[in-house]
C-alpha atoms as a PDB file:
ATOM      1  CA  MET A   1      -7.154 -47.847  20.082  1.00  0.00           C
ATOM      2  CA  GLU A   2      -6.117 -44.741  22.012  1.00  0.00           C
ATOM      3  CA  THR A   3      -6.160 -42.709  18.775  1.00  0.00           C
ATOM      4  CA  THR A   4      -9.737 -43.819  18.163  1.00  0.00           C
ATOM      5  CA  TYR A   5     -10.746 -42.589  21.613  1.00  0.00           C
ATOM      6  CA  LEU A   6      -8.926 -39.319  20.984  1.00  0.00           C
ATOM      7  CA  VAL A   7     -10.830 -38.737  17.746  1.00  0.00           C
ATOM      8  CA  PHE A   8     -14.084 -39.618  19.493  1.00  0.00           C
ATOM      9  CA  ALA A   9     -13.315 -37.102  22.246  1.00  0.00           C
ATOM     10  CA  GLY A  10     -12.679 -34.386  19.659  1.00  0.00           C
ATOM     11  CA  VAL A  11     -15.871 -35.131  17.708  1.00  0.00           C
ATOM     12  CA  PHE A  12     -17.850 -35.264  20.932  1.00  0.00           C
ATOM     13  CA  GLY A  13     -16.390 -31.860  21.778  1.00  0.00           C
ATOM     14  CA  LEU A  14     -17.598 -30.453  18.451  1.00  0.00           C
ATOM     15  CA  LEU A  15     -21.133 -31.615  19.240  1.00  0.00           C
ATOM     16  CA  VAL A  16     -20.988 -30.178  22.744  1.00  0.00           C
ATOM     17  CA  GLY A  17     -19.606 -26.939  21.288  1.00  0.00           C
ATOM     18  CA  SER A  18     -22.707 -26.687  19.095  1.00  0.00           C
ATOM     19  CA  PHE A  19     -24.857 -26.984  22.217  1.00  0.00           C
ATOM     20  CA  LEU A  20     -22.695 -24.414  24.024  1.00  0.00           C
ATOM     21  CA  ASN A  21     -23.461 -21.914  21.267  1.00  0.00           C
ATOM     22  CA  VAL A  22     -27.105 -22.214  22.269  1.00  0.00           C
ATOM     23  CA  VAL A  23     -26.262 -21.802  25.958  1.00  0.00           C
ATOM     24  CA  ILE A  24     -24.052 -18.771  25.301  1.00  0.00           C
ATOM     25  CA  TYR A  25     -26.800 -16.989  23.386  1.00  0.00           C
ATOM     26  CA  ARG A  26     -29.895 -17.980  25.363  1.00  0.00           C
ATOM     27  CA  LEU A  27     -28.835 -18.339  28.989  1.00  0.00           C
ATOM     28  CA  PRO A  28     -28.091 -14.628  29.639  1.00  0.00           C
ATOM     29  CA  LEU A  29     -31.425 -13.716  27.988  1.00  0.00           C
ATOM     30  CA  ASP A  30     -33.414 -16.148  30.184  1.00  0.00           C
ATOM     31  CA  MET A  31     -34.512 -18.069  27.111  1.00  0.00           C
ATOM     32  CA  GLU A  32     -35.239 -21.802  27.040  1.00  0.00           C
ATOM     33  CA  TRP A  33     -31.946 -23.496  26.136  1.00  0.00           C
ATOM     34  CA  VAL A  34     -32.563 -27.183  26.818  1.00  0.00           C
ATOM     35  CA  ARG A  35     -35.630 -28.367  24.918  1.00  0.00           C
ATOM     36  CA  SER A  36     -36.325 -25.848  22.140  1.00  0.00           C
ATOM     37  CA  ARG A  37     -34.733 -26.303  18.713  1.00  0.00           C
ATOM     38  CA  SER A  38     -32.237 -23.909  17.173  1.00  0.00           C
ATOM     39  CA  ALA A  39     -33.525 -21.234  14.800  1.00  0.00           C
ATOM     40  CA  CYS A  40     -31.984 -18.522  12.640  1.00  0.00           C
ATOM     41  CA  ARG A  41     -31.729 -15.245  14.545  1.00  0.00           C
ATOM     42  CA  SER A  42     -32.767 -13.292  11.462  1.00  0.00           C
ATOM     43  CA  CYS A  43     -35.640 -15.171   9.794  1.00  0.00           C
ATOM     44  CA  ARG A  44     -36.564 -17.317  12.843  1.00  0.00           C
ATOM     45  CA  ARG A  45     -36.858 -20.428  10.683  1.00  0.00           C
ATOM     46  CA  LEU A  46     -35.950 -23.664  12.458  1.00  0.00           C
ATOM     47  CA  ILE A  47     -32.543 -24.981  11.476  1.00  0.00           C
ATOM     48  CA  ARG A  48     -32.673 -28.435   9.862  1.00  0.00           C
ATOM     49  CA  TRP A  49     -30.495 -31.154  11.388  1.00  0.00           C
ATOM     50  CA  TYR A  50     -28.246 -31.312   8.314  1.00  0.00           C
ATOM     51  CA  ASP A  51     -27.653 -27.571   8.580  1.00  0.00           C
ATOM     52  CA  ASN A  52     -26.628 -27.962  12.211  1.00  0.00           C
ATOM     53  CA  ILE A  53     -23.642 -30.279  11.843  1.00  0.00           C
ATOM     54  CA  PRO A  54     -20.762 -28.661  13.750  1.00  0.00           C
ATOM     55  CA  VAL A  55     -18.316 -26.728  11.532  1.00  0.00           C
ATOM     56  CA  VAL A  56     -19.217 -28.758   8.417  1.00  0.00           C
ATOM     57  CA  SER A  57     -22.637 -27.159   7.873  1.00  0.00           C
ATOM     58  CA  TRP A  58     -21.200 -23.662   8.347  1.00  0.00           C
ATOM     59  CA  LEU A  59     -18.586 -24.359   5.673  1.00  0.00           C
ATOM     60  CA  LEU A  60     -21.054 -25.951   3.230  1.00  0.00           C
ATOM     61  CA  LEU A  61     -23.485 -23.034   3.629  1.00  0.00           C
ATOM     62  CA  GLY A  62     -20.739 -20.500   3.132  1.00  0.00           C
ATOM     63  CA  GLY A  63     -21.431 -19.036   6.565  1.00  0.00           C
ATOM     64  CA  ARG A  64     -24.987 -17.996   5.653  1.00  0.00           C
ATOM     65  CA  CYS A  65     -28.509 -19.107   6.543  1.00  0.00           C
ATOM     66  CA  ARG A  66     -29.995 -21.461   3.941  1.00  0.00           C
ATOM     67  CA  ASN A  67     -33.324 -19.602   4.015  1.00  0.00           C
ATOM     68  CA  CYS A  68     -32.663 -15.871   4.372  1.00  0.00           C
ATOM     69  CA  LYS A  69     -28.970 -15.847   3.374  1.00  0.00           C
ATOM     70  CA  GLU A  70     -28.135 -13.776   6.455  1.00  0.00           C
ATOM     71  CA  ARG A  71     -24.520 -14.157   7.513  1.00  0.00           C
ATOM     72  CA  ILE A  72     -23.820 -16.597  10.353  1.00  0.00           C
ATOM     73  CA  ALA A  73     -21.051 -15.354  12.623  1.00  0.00           C
ATOM     74  CA  PHE A  74     -17.740 -17.186  12.466  1.00  0.00           C
ATOM     75  CA  ARG A  75     -17.852 -17.444  16.225  1.00  0.00           C
ATOM     76  CA  TYR A  76     -20.250 -20.396  15.991  1.00  0.00           C
ATOM     77  CA  PRO A  77     -17.765 -22.790  14.364  1.00  0.00           C
ATOM     78  CA  LEU A  78     -15.006 -21.177  16.458  1.00  0.00           C
ATOM     79  CA  VAL A  79     -16.718 -22.207  19.701  1.00  0.00           C
ATOM     80  CA  GLU A  80     -17.206 -25.704  18.283  1.00  0.00           C
ATOM     81  CA  LEU A  81     -13.555 -25.999  17.257  1.00  0.00           C
ATOM     82  CA  ILE A  82     -12.307 -24.674  20.596  1.00  0.00           C
ATOM     83  CA  THR A  83     -14.493 -27.130  22.493  1.00  0.00           C
ATOM     84  CA  GLY A  84     -13.459 -30.036  20.276  1.00  0.00           C
ATOM     85  CA  GLY A  85      -9.780 -29.216  20.711  1.00  0.00           C
ATOM     86  CA  LEU A  86     -10.125 -28.830  24.482  1.00  0.00           C
ATOM     87  CA  PHE A  87     -11.964 -32.145  24.778  1.00  0.00           C
ATOM     88  CA  ALA A  88      -9.173 -33.896  22.890  1.00  0.00           C
ATOM     89  CA  LEU A  89      -6.563 -32.307  25.171  1.00  0.00           C
ATOM     90  CA  GLY A  90      -8.715 -33.184  28.185  1.00  0.00           C
ATOM     91  CA  PHE A  91      -8.753 -36.806  27.018  1.00  0.00           C
ATOM     92  CA  ILE A  92      -4.959 -36.813  26.925  1.00  0.00           C
ATOM     93  CA  THR A  93      -4.778 -35.268  30.395  1.00  0.00           C
ATOM     94  CA  VAL A  94      -7.188 -37.743  31.981  1.00  0.00           C
ATOM     95  CA  GLY A  95      -5.449 -40.621  30.230  1.00  0.00           C
ATOM     96  CA  ALA A  96      -2.141 -39.489  31.726  1.00  0.00           C
ATOM     97  CA  ILE A  97      -3.709 -39.222  35.193  1.00  0.00           C
ATOM     98  CA  ALA A  98      -5.263 -42.672  34.803  1.00  0.00           C
ATOM     99  CA  ARG A  99      -1.946 -44.248  33.829  1.00  0.00           C
ATOM    100  CA  ASP A 100       0.006 -42.424  36.525  1.00  0.00           C
ATOM    101  CA  THR A 101      -2.412 -43.594  39.213  1.00  0.00           C
ATOM    102  CA  GLU A 102      -2.777 -47.112  37.716  1.00  0.00           C
ATOM    103  CA  LEU A 103      -6.535 -46.712  37.485  1.00  0.00           C
ATOM    104  CA  THR A 104      -6.926 -48.592  34.230  1.00  0.00           C
ATOM    105  CA  GLY A 105      -4.543 -51.495  34.542  1.00  0.00           C
ATOM    106  CA  GLY A 106      -2.856 -50.377  31.340  1.00  0.00           C
ATOM    107  CA  GLY A 107      -6.079 -50.013  29.326  1.00  0.00           C
ATOM    108  CA  LEU A 108      -8.469 -47.164  28.626  1.00  0.00           C
ATOM    109  CA  THR A 109     -11.780 -48.823  29.440  1.00  0.00           C
ATOM    110  CA  SER A 110     -11.982 -48.187  33.177  1.00  0.00           C
ATOM    111  CA  GLY A 111     -15.081 -46.570  34.642  1.00  0.00           C
ATOM    112  CA  TRP A 112     -12.774 -44.329  36.650  1.00  0.00           C
ATOM    113  CA  TRP A 113     -11.200 -43.001  33.480  1.00  0.00           C
ATOM    114  CA  ALA A 114     -14.600 -42.505  31.830  1.00  0.00           C
ATOM    115  CA  PHE A 115     -15.945 -40.528  34.790  1.00  0.00           C
ATOM    116  CA  GLY A 116     -12.740 -38.495  34.876  1.00  0.00           C
ATOM    117  CA  PHE A 117     -13.154 -37.541  31.241  1.00  0.00           C
ATOM    118  CA  VAL A 118     -16.799 -36.529  31.734  1.00  0.00           C
ATOM    119  CA  TYR A 119     -15.765 -34.472  34.763  1.00  0.00           C
ATOM    120  CA  VAL A 120     -12.982 -32.683  32.880  1.00  0.00           C
ATOM    121  CA  ALA A 121     -15.155 -32.192  29.783  1.00  0.00           C
ATOM    122  CA  THR A 122     -17.931 -30.644  31.900  1.00  0.00           C
ATOM    123  CA  PHE A 123     -15.452 -28.271  33.528  1.00  0.00           C
ATOM    124  CA  LEU A 124     -13.997 -27.256  30.170  1.00  0.00           C
ATOM    125  CA  SER A 125     -17.515 -26.684  28.806  1.00  0.00           C
ATOM    126  CA  ALA A 126     -18.301 -24.418  31.761  1.00  0.00           C
ATOM    127  CA  LEU A 127     -15.125 -22.420  31.073  1.00  0.00           C
ATOM    128  CA  VAL A 128     -15.945 -22.010  27.369  1.00  0.00           C
ATOM    129  CA  ALA A 129     -19.556 -20.953  27.989  1.00  0.00           C
ATOM    130  CA  SER A 130     -18.544 -18.550  30.767  1.00  0.00           C
ATOM    131  CA  THR A 131     -15.851 -16.980  28.604  1.00  0.00           C
ATOM    132  CA  PHE A 132     -18.114 -16.035  25.728  1.00  0.00           C
ATOM    133  CA  ILE A 133     -21.024 -14.998  27.951  1.00  0.00           C
ATOM    134  CA  ASP A 134     -18.671 -12.682  29.841  1.00  0.00           C
ATOM    135  CA  PHE A 135     -17.394 -11.246  26.568  1.00  0.00           C
ATOM    136  CA  ASP A 136     -20.968 -10.583  25.394  1.00  0.00           C
ATOM    137  CA  HIS A 137     -22.745  -9.497  28.566  1.00  0.00           C
ATOM    138  CA  THR A 138     -19.995  -8.921  31.169  1.00  0.00           C
ATOM    139  CA  ILE A 139     -21.640 -11.431  33.507  1.00  0.00           C
ATOM    140  CA  LEU A 140     -20.769 -14.897  34.769  1.00  0.00           C
ATOM    141  CA  PRO A 141     -24.109 -16.694  35.250  1.00  0.00           C
ATOM    142  CA  ASP A 142     -24.879 -18.351  38.583  1.00  0.00           C
ATOM    143  CA  GLU A 143     -26.299 -21.301  36.648  1.00  0.00           C
ATOM    144  CA  ILE A 144     -22.705 -22.117  35.705  1.00  0.00           C
ATOM    145  CA  THR A 145     -20.554 -20.741  38.526  1.00  0.00           C
ATOM    146  CA  LYS A 146     -22.621 -21.639  41.600  1.00  0.00           C
ATOM    147  CA  THR A 147     -23.684 -24.987  40.181  1.00  0.00           C
ATOM    148  CA  GLY A 148     -20.098 -25.880  39.354  1.00  0.00           C
ATOM    149  CA  MET A 149     -18.843 -24.610  42.705  1.00  0.00           C
ATOM    150  CA  TRP A 150     -21.149 -26.888  44.692  1.00  0.00           C
ATOM    151  CA  LEU A 151     -21.032 -29.948  42.423  1.00  0.00           C
ATOM    152  CA  ALA A 152     -17.233 -30.111  42.068  1.00  0.00           C
ATOM    153  CA  PRO A 153     -16.553 -31.339  45.639  1.00  0.00           C
ATOM    154  CA  PHE A 154     -19.033 -34.194  45.168  1.00  0.00           C
ATOM    155  CA  ALA A 155     -17.409 -35.110  41.853  1.00  0.00           C
ATOM    156  CA  THR A 156     -14.038 -35.032  43.603  1.00  0.00           C
ATOM    157  CA  LEU A 157     -15.280 -37.741  45.952  1.00  0.00           C
ATOM    158  CA  VAL A 158     -15.522 -39.994  42.892  1.00  0.00           C
ATOM    159  CA  PHE A 159     -12.488 -38.732  40.950  1.00  0.00           C
ATOM    160  CA  PRO A 160     -10.100 -36.935  43.353  1.00  0.00           C
ATOM    161  CA  TRP A 161      -6.955 -37.259  41.279  1.00  0.00           C
ATOM    162  CA  ILE A 162      -7.163 -33.841  39.583  1.00  0.00           C
ATOM    163  CA  VAL A 163      -6.960 -32.118  42.964  1.00  0.00           C
ATOM    164  CA  LEU A 164      -4.401 -34.618  44.286  1.00  0.00           C
ATOM    165  CA  ARG A 165      -1.927 -33.744  41.537  1.00  0.00           C
ATOM    166  CA  HIS A 166      -0.939 -30.672  43.577  1.00  0.00           C
ATOM    167  CA  PHE A 167      -2.435 -31.332  47.012  1.00  0.00           C
ATOM    168  CA  ASP A 168      -0.885 -33.680  49.552  1.00  0.00           C
ATOM    169  CA  LEU A 169      -1.874 -33.740  53.221  1.00  0.00           C
ATOM    170  CA  ASP A 170       1.293 -35.716  54.014  1.00  0.00           C
ATOM    171  CA  ARG A 171       3.219 -32.459  53.774  1.00  0.00           C
ATOM    172  CA  PHE A 172       1.243 -31.179  56.746  1.00  0.00           C
ATOM    173  CA  GLY A 173       1.786 -34.311  58.789  1.00  0.00           C
ATOM    174  CA  TRP A 174      -1.714 -35.666  58.160  1.00  0.00           C
ATOM    175  CA  THR A 175      -0.998 -39.189  56.942  1.00  0.00           C
ATOM    176  CA  GLY A 176      -3.191 -42.180  56.198  1.00  0.00           C
ATOM    177  CA  VAL A 177      -6.112 -40.161  54.804  1.00  0.00           C
ATOM    178  CA  HIS A 178      -8.148 -41.929  52.117  1.00  0.00           C
ATOM    179  CA  ALA A 179      -7.597 -40.432  48.655  1.00  0.00           C
ATOM    180  CA  ARG A 180     -11.247 -39.480  48.212  1.00  0.00           C
ATOM    181  CA  LEU A 181     -11.430 -37.679  51.544  1.00  0.00           C
ATOM    182  CA  GLU A 182      -8.123 -35.991  50.814  1.00  0.00           C
ATOM    183  CA  GLY A 183      -9.442 -34.862  47.428  1.00  0.00           C
ATOM    184  CA  LEU A 184     -12.637 -33.532  49.020  1.00  0.00           C
ATOM    185  CA  ILE A 185     -10.617 -31.534  51.556  1.00  0.00           C
ATOM    186  CA  GLY A 186      -8.423 -30.141  48.782  1.00  0.00           C
ATOM    187  CA  SER A 187     -11.489 -29.233  46.723  1.00  0.00           C
ATOM    188  CA  LEU A 188     -13.150 -27.363  49.589  1.00  0.00           C
ATOM    189  CA  ILE A 189      -9.940 -25.528  50.470  1.00  0.00           C
ATOM    190  CA  GLY A 190      -9.462 -24.687  46.799  1.00  0.00           C
ATOM    191  CA  MET A 191     -12.978 -23.264  46.650  1.00  0.00           C
ATOM    192  CA  LEU A 192     -12.298 -21.047  49.660  1.00  0.00           C
ATOM    193  CA  VAL A 193      -8.893 -19.953  48.372  1.00  0.00           C
ATOM    194  CA  GLY A 194     -10.141 -19.178  44.860  1.00  0.00           C
ATOM    195  CA  ALA A 195     -13.166 -17.217  46.010  1.00  0.00           C
ATOM    196  CA  GLY A 196     -11.198 -15.583  48.824  1.00  0.00           C
ATOM    197  CA  ILE A 197      -8.454 -14.230  46.571  1.00  0.00           C
ATOM    198  CA  VAL A 198     -10.870 -12.432  44.271  1.00  0.00           C
ATOM    199  CA  TRP A 199     -13.090 -11.277  47.132  1.00  0.00           C
ATOM    200  CA  GLY A 200     -10.029  -9.843  48.905  1.00  0.00           C
ATOM    201  CA  VAL A 201      -8.861  -8.036  45.783  1.00  0.00           C
ATOM    202  CA  ALA A 202     -12.394  -6.684  45.248  1.00  0.00           C
ATOM    203  CA  VAL A 203     -12.572  -5.325  48.816  1.00  0.00           C
ATOM    204  CA  VAL A 204      -9.111  -3.751  48.708  1.00  0.00           C
ATOM    205  CA  GLY A 205      -9.746  -2.338  45.237  1.00  0.00           C
ATOM    206  CA  LYS A 206     -12.992  -0.736  46.314  1.00  0.00           C
ATOM    207  CA  LEU A 207     -11.286   0.871  49.311  1.00  0.00           C
ATOM    208  CA  ILE A 208      -8.458   2.248  47.180  1.00  0.00           C
ATOM    209  CA  PHE A 209     -10.266   3.246  43.985  1.00  0.00           C
ATOM    210  CA  ARG A 210     -13.703   3.987  45.501  1.00  0.00           C
ATOM    211  CA  LYS A 211     -15.422   1.797  42.937  1.00  0.00           C
ATOM    212  CA  GLU A 212     -16.013  -1.855  42.147  1.00  0.00           C
ATOM    213  CA  ALA A 213     -12.704  -3.455  41.145  1.00  0.00           C
ATOM    214  CA  MET A 214     -14.212  -6.909  40.471  1.00  0.00           C
ATOM    215  CA  GLY A 215     -17.715  -8.297  40.279  1.00  0.00           C
ATOM    216  CA  PHE A 216     -19.034 -10.973  42.620  1.00  0.00           C
ATOM    217  CA  GLY A 217     -19.434 -13.229  39.591  1.00  0.00           C
ATOM    218  CA  ASP A 218     -15.635 -13.479  39.445  1.00  0.00           C
ATOM    219  CA  VAL A 219     -15.627 -14.580  43.106  1.00  0.00           C
ATOM    220  CA  LYS A 220     -17.990 -17.479  42.393  1.00  0.00           C
ATOM    221  CA  PHE A 221     -16.166 -18.302  39.155  1.00  0.00           C
ATOM    222  CA  MET A 222     -12.857 -18.656  40.993  1.00  0.00           C
ATOM    223  CA  GLY A 223     -14.621 -20.649  43.702  1.00  0.00           C
ATOM    224  CA  MET A 224     -15.678 -23.125  41.013  1.00  0.00           C
ATOM    225  CA  ILE A 225     -12.189 -23.250  39.506  1.00  0.00           C
ATOM    226  CA  GLY A 226     -10.601 -23.769  42.921  1.00  0.00           C
ATOM    227  CA  ALA A 227     -13.048 -26.562  43.755  1.00  0.00           C
ATOM    228  CA  VAL A 228     -11.974 -28.427  40.610  1.00  0.00           C
ATOM    229  CA  LEU A 229      -8.224 -27.764  40.611  1.00  0.00           C
ATOM    230  CA  GLY A 230      -7.379 -27.343  44.294  1.00  0.00           C
ATOM    231  CA  PRO A 231      -5.777 -24.560  46.374  1.00  0.00           C
ATOM    232  CA  PHE A 232      -2.302 -24.179  44.877  1.00  0.00           C
ATOM    233  CA  PRO A 233      -3.313 -24.293  41.187  1.00  0.00           C
ATOM    234  CA  VAL A 234      -6.100 -21.738  41.707  1.00  0.00           C
ATOM    235  CA  VAL A 235      -3.534 -19.230  43.009  1.00  0.00           C
ATOM    236  CA  LEU A 236      -1.575 -19.678  39.782  1.00  0.00           C
ATOM    237  CA  VAL A 237      -4.829 -19.374  37.811  1.00  0.00           C
ATOM    238  CA  PHE A 238      -5.365 -15.957  39.352  1.00  0.00           C
ATOM    239  CA  ALA A 239      -1.773 -14.931  38.605  1.00  0.00           C
ATOM    240  CA  LEU A 240      -2.078 -16.089  34.992  1.00  0.00           C
ATOM    241  CA  GLY A 241      -5.458 -14.345  34.674  1.00  0.00           C
ATOM    242  CA  CYS A 242      -3.917 -11.071  35.855  1.00  0.00           C
ATOM    243  CA  LEU A 243      -1.013 -11.516  33.435  1.00  0.00           C
ATOM    244  CA  PHE A 244      -3.200 -12.230  30.410  1.00  0.00           C
ATOM    245  CA  GLY A 245      -5.797  -9.649  31.441  1.00  0.00           C
ATOM    246  CA  SER A 246      -3.159  -6.931  31.779  1.00  0.00           C
ATOM    247  CA  PHE A 247      -1.658  -7.711  28.387  1.00  0.00           C
ATOM    248  CA  PHE A 248      -4.942  -7.811  26.477  1.00  0.00           C
ATOM    249  CA  GLY A 249      -6.482  -5.022  28.557  1.00  0.00           C
ATOM    250  CA  ILE A 250      -3.679  -2.609  27.663  1.00  0.00           C
ATOM    251  CA  ALA A 251      -3.888  -3.607  24.008  1.00  0.00           C
ATOM    252  CA  MET A 252      -7.675  -3.104  23.952  1.00  0.00           C
ATOM    253  CA  PHE A 253      -7.398   0.268  25.679  1.00  0.00           C
ATOM    254  CA  LEU A 254      -4.877   1.487  23.116  1.00  0.00           C
ATOM    255  CA  VAL A 255      -7.267   0.515  20.320  1.00  0.00           C
ATOM    256  CA  THR A 256     -10.705   1.300  21.794  1.00  0.00           C
ATOM    257  CA  ARG A 257      -9.948   3.580  24.783  1.00  0.00           C
ATOM    258  CA  ASN A 258     -12.319   1.378  26.761  1.00  0.00           C
ATOM    259  CA  ARG A 259     -11.089   0.833  30.324  1.00  0.00           C
ATOM    260  CA  TYR A 260     -13.524  -1.970  31.178  1.00  0.00           C
ATOM    261  CA  LEU A 261     -12.173  -5.507  31.016  1.00  0.00           C
ATOM    262  CA  ALA A 262     -14.160  -8.718  31.363  1.00  0.00           C
ATOM    263  CA  PHE A 263     -11.843 -10.679  33.666  1.00  0.00           C
ATOM    264  CA  GLY A 264     -13.598 -14.056  33.435  1.00  0.00           C
ATOM    265  CA  PRO A 265     -12.130 -15.092  30.059  1.00  0.00           C
ATOM    266  CA  TYR A 266      -8.569 -14.624  31.296  1.00  0.00           C
ATOM    267  CA  LEU A 267      -9.248 -16.566  34.482  1.00  0.00           C
ATOM    268  CA  ALA A 268     -10.732 -19.298  32.273  1.00  0.00           C
ATOM    269  CA  LEU A 269      -7.579 -19.304  30.126  1.00  0.00           C
ATOM    270  CA  GLY A 270      -5.457 -19.661  33.253  1.00  0.00           C
ATOM    271  CA  ALA A 271      -7.695 -22.524  34.436  1.00  0.00           C
ATOM    272  CA  VAL A 272      -7.301 -24.337  31.108  1.00  0.00           C
ATOM    273  CA  ILE A 273      -3.518 -24.014  31.328  1.00  0.00           C
ATOM    274  CA  MET A 274      -3.434 -25.307  34.902  1.00  0.00           C
ATOM    275  CA  LEU A 275      -5.765 -28.208  34.093  1.00  0.00           C
ATOM    276  CA  LEU A 276      -3.952 -29.355  30.966  1.00  0.00           C
ATOM    277  CA  TRP A 277      -0.368 -28.312  31.666  1.00  0.00           C
ATOM    278  CA  GLY A 278      -0.342 -27.813  35.416  1.00  0.00           C
ATOM    279  CA  GLU A 279       2.818 -29.815  36.057  1.00  0.00           C
ATOM    280  CA  GLN A 280       4.816 -27.792  33.542  1.00  0.00           C
ATOM    281  CA  THR A 281       3.446 -24.507  34.902  1.00  0.00           C
ATOM    282  CA  VAL A 282       4.246 -25.460  38.487  1.00  0.00           C
ATOM    283  CA  TRP A 283       7.767 -26.447  37.419  1.00  0.00           C
ATOM    284  CA  ILE A 284       8.277 -23.057  35.740  1.00  0.00           C
ATOM    285  CA  VAL A 285       7.077 -21.203  38.851  1.00  0.00           C
ATOM    286  CA  THR A 286       8.813 -23.278  41.511  1.00  0.00           C
ATOM    287  CA  ASP A 287      11.998 -24.411  39.751  1.00  0.00           C
ATOM    288  CA  TRP A 288      12.918 -22.747  36.468  1.00  0.00           C
ATOM    289  CA  TRP A 289      11.981 -19.155  37.314  1.00  0.00           C
ATOM    290  CA  PRO A 290      13.838 -18.995  40.662  1.00  0.00           C
ATOM    291  CA  ARG A 291      16.945 -20.469  39.047  1.00  0.00           C
ATOM    292  CA  PHE A 292      16.622 -17.976  36.168  1.00  0.00           C
ATOM    293  CA  VAL A 293      16.380 -15.047  38.592  1.00  0.00           C
ATOM    294  CA  ARG A 294      19.352 -16.296  40.614  1.00  0.00           C
ATOM    295  CA  GLY A 295      21.325 -16.558  37.388  1.00  0.00           C
ATOM    296  CA  LEU A 296      20.608 -12.895  36.620  1.00  0.00           C
ATOM    297  CA  THR A 297      21.773 -11.772  40.044  1.00  0.00           C
END
C-alpha cells in the first residue's frame, strides 16, 4: 500500500511540475497563470490536453510543437521530473515523521499525514518555482516568498512536526508547552533568523563593498524557509547555500567571466537537503565533523 502512495505522490508531482512550468514563465511577466490555457510560445496555438501530459508528451513529440515544429526546451520535462522526484521524497519524509510521532497509528490514512504531505509538497513547489524564476530573471517573486513567509506559521499550527524535529523549548527550561504552540514559536523564530541572517550579510556587504551584496528578495526567501524549517535548520540552509553558491559561482566565472550569481537556487538546494535529510546533515555538522577535525589535530 505504501508503494502505491509513493507512486501517486510522484505522479502528482509530475502534474504539479507541469503547472509550475506555467508559473515560472508567466509570473515574472505579470501574465495570467491560473485560468488561461497553455499555448506554444512560437505559433501561439493552444496546446491540446494530450500534448500536455507531463514528460510523456514531450517524448512522443520529439521535443517539438505538433503545429509549428518549433523545439520545446528540455527544461519543461526537467522541471516536471524534478518536482515528481521531490514529491516522492517528500512523501517518504512525511511518512517517517508521521510514524515517529505516532500520528497514523501504524497506517498512512491519517488526516494529519495528508495535511503534512500537502504542506511539504507546497513548500517544495515554491522552492522549484523560485529557483527557475531566479535563474531566468534574477528575482524571487513576492507572490511566492511573502505569501509563503506569512502562511507557514499558520500551517505550523496544524502540522508543527517539521519545525519540532530540530526545535525543543525544553532545552531552554520552557516545559509543558503544547506542540502546536511550540511549533508556531519555532516557525516565527525561524522566520526572523532566516531573514535576519541574509539582511545582516546584505548590510555588512554593502558597507564593505559599497554595492548591493544581496537582494531583498533573498531576505524574504530565507524568511519563508526559516518559517517552514525552524531556526537551527535555516542557519544550515544558509551555510549550504554559500557552499554550493561558491562552488558553482567560481565554475561559472571561469567559463563565462560573469560575476553575478543568483543566490536563490542554492538556498533552495540547501532547504531541500535540510527538509529531506535534515537529521543526517545535523549529525554531520554536530557529531561527525567535530570528531573528524579532532582526529586531524
